[in-house]
Amino acid sequence: MSADQPVSTVVAALEEATETDEVCLRDILSNFGSASFPSILLLAALLLVSPLSGVPLLSSAIGGLIFLVAVQGMIGRTYLWLPRRLMAWKLNTARSDKPLDRVLRFAEWLDRGTQARLAPLVSPPASRVLYAFCALSGICLPLLELLPFTSSMIGVAVALIATGLLARDGLIAVLGLVTLGLTSLIPAFAFSALFA
């Protein structure tokens, strides 16, 4: 991972891994190593904000990935474990033309705005709280898949939190928590309108 451009580096690795028409999750994650929890969270979140999020059931699978990675980060594991079945899950990228162009612009914007600040917010024990919010987001994704924009908004929130953890930027992580809070209003309004 580049220390100067952590988000752009993750996007570049993701773009390289998805050059073929079909790729399995194991191939994508192999570029990041088994100890880089924030990088893998960021990768998962970026998949949610890319046009690839239109692939059926992708949000649910990515939600499971976010949950598993975040829980292990929260409890302080050193190396990531993921089920073999999830690692073998295949993603069809043929339907997306240049799927990561917009994501790369978002990544470059994030990289320009990050710097080491408010470090206690992205260090233990506070970092475990951030992982807990990411885990909660991941477990909610399959339930919210039918609501427009919620998957992408959760992706943005988790991407911000992961960027904060990766770049040691507490302010960006707090921005992610705020985004997550605002995103939670979407299903709240949808369900209140449904049962009104």
Protein backbone atom coordinates (compact mmCIF):
# COMPACT_ATOMS: atom_id res chain seq x y z
CA MET A 1 0.00 0.00 0.00
CA SER A 2 1.24 3.48 -0.80
CA ALA A 3 1.34 5.63 2.31
CA ASP A 4 0.73 8.79 0.27
CA GLN A 5 -2.27 7.53 -1.70
CA PRO A 6 -3.83 4.64 0.20
CA VAL A 7 -7.27 4.84 -1.42
CA SER A 8 -5.99 5.23 -4.99
CA THR A 9 -3.68 2.27 -4.41
CA VAL A 10 -6.63 0.09 -3.36
CA VAL A 11 -8.63 1.20 -6.43
CA ALA A 12 -5.67 0.50 -8.75
CA ALA A 13 -5.32 -3.01 -7.29
CA LEU A 14 -9.07 -3.57 -7.62
CA GLU A 15 -9.03 -2.36 -11.24
CA GLU A 16 -6.15 -4.72 -12.04
CA ALA A 17 -7.93 -7.66 -10.39
CA THR A 18 -11.19 -7.03 -12.30
CA GLU A 19 -9.68 -6.76 -15.80
CA THR A 20 -11.00 -10.21 -16.72
CA ASP A 21 -14.71 -10.89 -17.35
CA GLU A 22 -15.01 -13.08 -14.26
CA VAL A 23 -12.94 -12.98 -11.09
CA CYS A 24 -13.25 -14.69 -7.73
CA LEU A 25 -12.99 -12.87 -4.41
CA ARG A 26 -9.82 -14.81 -3.51
CA ASP A 27 -8.02 -13.29 -6.53
CA ILE A 28 -9.07 -9.78 -5.57
CA LEU A 29 -8.09 -10.13 -1.90
CA SER A 30 -4.74 -11.75 -2.68
CA ASN A 31 -3.35 -8.31 -3.59
CA PHE A 32 -3.90 -7.00 -0.08
CA GLY A 33 -2.40 -9.57 2.27
CA SER A 34 -4.13 -11.19 5.22
CA ALA A 35 -3.28 -8.55 7.83
CA SER A 36 -4.57 -5.37 6.20
CA PHE A 37 -8.08 -5.13 7.64
CA PRO A 38 -8.68 -1.45 6.69
CA SER A 39 -7.52 -2.09 3.09
CA ILE A 40 -9.91 -5.02 2.68
CA LEU A 41 -12.77 -3.03 4.26
CA LEU A 42 -12.00 -0.20 1.85
CA LEU A 43 -11.94 -2.60 -1.07
CA ALA A 44 -15.35 -4.03 -0.10
CA ALA A 45 -16.80 -0.55 0.36
CA LEU A 46 -15.50 0.60 -3.03
CA LEU A 47 -17.21 -2.37 -4.69
CA LEU A 48 -20.48 -1.07 -3.22
CA VAL A 49 -20.04 2.42 -4.69
CA SER A 50 -18.90 1.15 -8.10
CA PRO A 51 -21.28 0.27 -10.97
CA LEU A 52 -20.53 -3.36 -10.07
CA SER A 53 -22.99 -2.91 -7.19
CA GLY A 54 -25.73 -3.55 -9.75
CA VAL A 55 -24.70 -7.22 -9.92
CA PRO A 56 -27.50 -9.26 -8.26
CA LEU A 57 -26.77 -10.21 -4.63
CA LEU A 58 -23.42 -8.38 -4.67
CA SER A 59 -24.50 -6.11 -1.81
CA SER A 60 -25.42 -9.11 0.34
CA ALA A 61 -22.11 -10.87 -0.34
CA ILE A 62 -20.13 -7.68 0.30
CA GLY A 63 -22.16 -7.11 3.47
CA GLY A 64 -21.04 -10.54 4.68
CA LEU A 65 -17.44 -9.70 3.80
CA ILE A 66 -17.59 -6.34 5.62
CA PHE A 67 -19.13 -8.01 8.68
CA LEU A 68 -16.51 -10.77 8.87
CA VAL A 69 -13.55 -8.41 8.33
CA ALA A 70 -14.85 -5.79 10.76
CA VAL A 71 -15.62 -8.29 13.54
CA GLN A 72 -12.11 -9.70 13.29
CA GLY A 73 -10.64 -6.18 13.35
CA MET A 74 -12.81 -5.33 16.34
CA ILE A 75 -11.59 -8.30 18.39
CA GLY A 76 -7.98 -7.56 17.46
CA ARG A 77 -7.14 -10.57 15.28
CA THR A 78 -3.76 -10.38 13.57
CA TYR A 79 -4.69 -12.26 10.39
CA LEU A 80 -7.92 -12.37 8.46
CA TRP A 81 -9.93 -15.57 8.10
CA LEU A 82 -12.74 -15.87 5.56
CA PRO A 83 -14.88 -18.90 4.67
CA ARG A 84 -13.72 -20.86 1.63
CA ARG A 85 -17.15 -20.48 0.01
CA LEU A 86 -17.03 -16.67 0.23
CA MET A 87 -13.45 -16.63 -1.11
CA ALA A 88 -14.55 -18.74 -4.10
CA TRP A 89 -17.50 -16.43 -4.90
CA LYS A 90 -17.25 -15.29 -8.53
CA LEU A 91 -17.97 -11.76 -9.69
CA ASN A 92 -18.95 -11.15 -13.32
CA THR A 93 -17.36 -7.85 -14.39
CA ALA A 94 -18.18 -8.16 -18.10
CA ARG A 95 -21.33 -6.04 -17.84
CA SER A 96 -19.49 -2.92 -16.63
CA ASP A 97 -17.54 -0.70 -19.02
CA LYS A 98 -14.70 0.98 -17.12
CA PRO A 99 -16.48 0.28 -13.84
CA LEU A 100 -13.98 2.03 -11.61
CA ASP A 101 -13.47 5.40 -13.35
CA ARG A 102 -15.85 7.26 -11.01
CA VAL A 103 -14.53 5.33 -8.02
CA LEU A 104 -10.98 6.41 -8.91
CA ARG A 105 -12.04 10.07 -8.91
CA PHE A 106 -13.63 9.56 -5.46
CA ALA A 107 -10.43 7.84 -4.29
CA GLU A 108 -8.22 10.68 -5.52
CA TRP A 109 -10.47 13.20 -3.74
CA LEU A 110 -10.16 11.19 -0.51
CA ASP A 111 -6.39 10.93 -0.86
CA ARG A 112 -6.08 14.70 -1.28
CA GLY A 113 -8.13 15.28 1.88
CA THR A 114 -6.46 12.79 4.22
CA GLN A 115 -3.63 13.44 6.63
CA ALA A 116 -2.59 12.08 10.00
CA ARG A 117 -4.82 13.85 12.56
CA LEU A 118 -6.93 13.00 15.60
CA ALA A 119 -4.93 9.75 15.84
CA PRO A 120 -6.58 8.60 19.13
CA LEU A 121 -9.86 8.18 17.20
CA VAL A 122 -8.29 5.59 14.88
CA SER A 123 -6.18 3.79 17.50
CA PRO A 124 -7.34 1.14 19.99
CA PRO A 125 -9.69 1.17 21.80
CA ALA A 126 -11.53 3.76 19.65
CA SER A 127 -10.66 1.90 16.42
CA ARG A 128 -12.57 -1.12 17.75
CA VAL A 129 -15.70 1.04 17.96
CA LEU A 130 -15.17 2.03 14.31
CA TYR A 131 -14.88 -1.65 13.35
CA ALA A 132 -18.08 -2.34 15.33
CA PHE A 133 -20.00 0.25 13.28
CA CYS A 134 -18.62 -1.29 10.08
CA ALA A 135 -19.72 -4.76 11.26
CA LEU A 136 -23.21 -3.42 11.98
CA SER A 137 -23.31 -1.88 8.50
CA GLY A 138 -22.27 -5.16 6.92
CA ILE A 139 -24.94 -7.17 8.68
CA CYS A 140 -27.62 -4.65 7.66
CA LEU A 141 -26.71 -4.62 3.95
CA PRO A 142 -28.68 -7.74 2.92
CA LEU A 143 -31.78 -6.28 4.61
CA LEU A 144 -31.41 -2.92 2.85
CA GLU A 145 -30.54 -4.17 -0.62
CA LEU A 146 -34.01 -3.37 -1.99
CA LEU A 147 -33.93 0.27 -0.86
CA PRO A 148 -32.41 2.53 -3.54
CA PHE A 149 -29.03 4.13 -2.75
CA THR A 150 -28.65 2.61 0.74
CA SER A 151 -25.98 0.11 -0.35
CA SER A 152 -23.95 2.83 -2.04
CA MET A 153 -24.35 5.20 0.92
CA ILE A 154 -23.23 2.47 3.33
CA GLY A 155 -20.32 1.86 0.96
CA VAL A 156 -19.34 5.54 1.15
CA ALA A 157 -19.57 5.49 4.97
CA VAL A 158 -17.48 2.32 5.33
CA ALA A 159 -14.98 3.66 2.75
CA LEU A 160 -14.54 6.82 4.82
CA ILE A 161 -14.08 4.86 8.06
CA ALA A 162 -11.62 2.46 6.40
CA THR A 163 -9.72 5.40 4.88
CA GLY A 164 -9.50 6.99 8.32
CA LEU A 165 -8.09 3.76 9.75
CA LEU A 166 -5.69 3.31 6.84
CA ALA A 167 -4.41 6.90 6.71
CA ARG A 168 -4.56 7.45 10.51
CA ASP A 169 -7.07 10.27 9.92
CA GLY A 170 -9.62 10.48 12.74
CA LEU A 171 -11.51 13.33 11.04
CA ILE A 172 -12.24 11.24 7.93
CA ALA A 173 -13.37 8.35 10.17
CA VAL A 174 -15.77 10.68 12.03
CA LEU A 175 -17.10 11.86 8.65
CA GLY A 176 -17.79 8.20 7.88
CA LEU A 177 -19.75 7.80 11.12
CA VAL A 178 -21.81 10.91 10.29
CA THR A 179 -22.52 9.51 6.80
CA LEU A 180 -23.57 6.23 8.39
CA GLY A 181 -25.93 8.07 10.74
CA LEU A 182 -27.50 9.98 7.85
CA THR A 183 -27.81 6.77 5.82
CA SER A 184 -29.72 5.12 8.67
CA LEU A 185 -32.44 7.75 8.16
CA ILE A 186 -33.28 6.36 4.69
CA PRO A 187 -34.70 3.00 5.91
CA ALA A 188 -36.22 4.74 8.94
CA PHE A 189 -38.22 7.07 6.68
CA ALA A 190 -39.05 4.25 4.23
CA PHE A 191 -40.43 1.98 6.97
CA SER A 192 -42.32 4.79 8.70
CA ALA A 193 -43.95 5.72 5.36
CA LEU A 194 -44.77 2.07 4.71
CA PHE A 195 -46.52 1.58 8.06
CA ALA A 196 -48.08 5.04 8.38
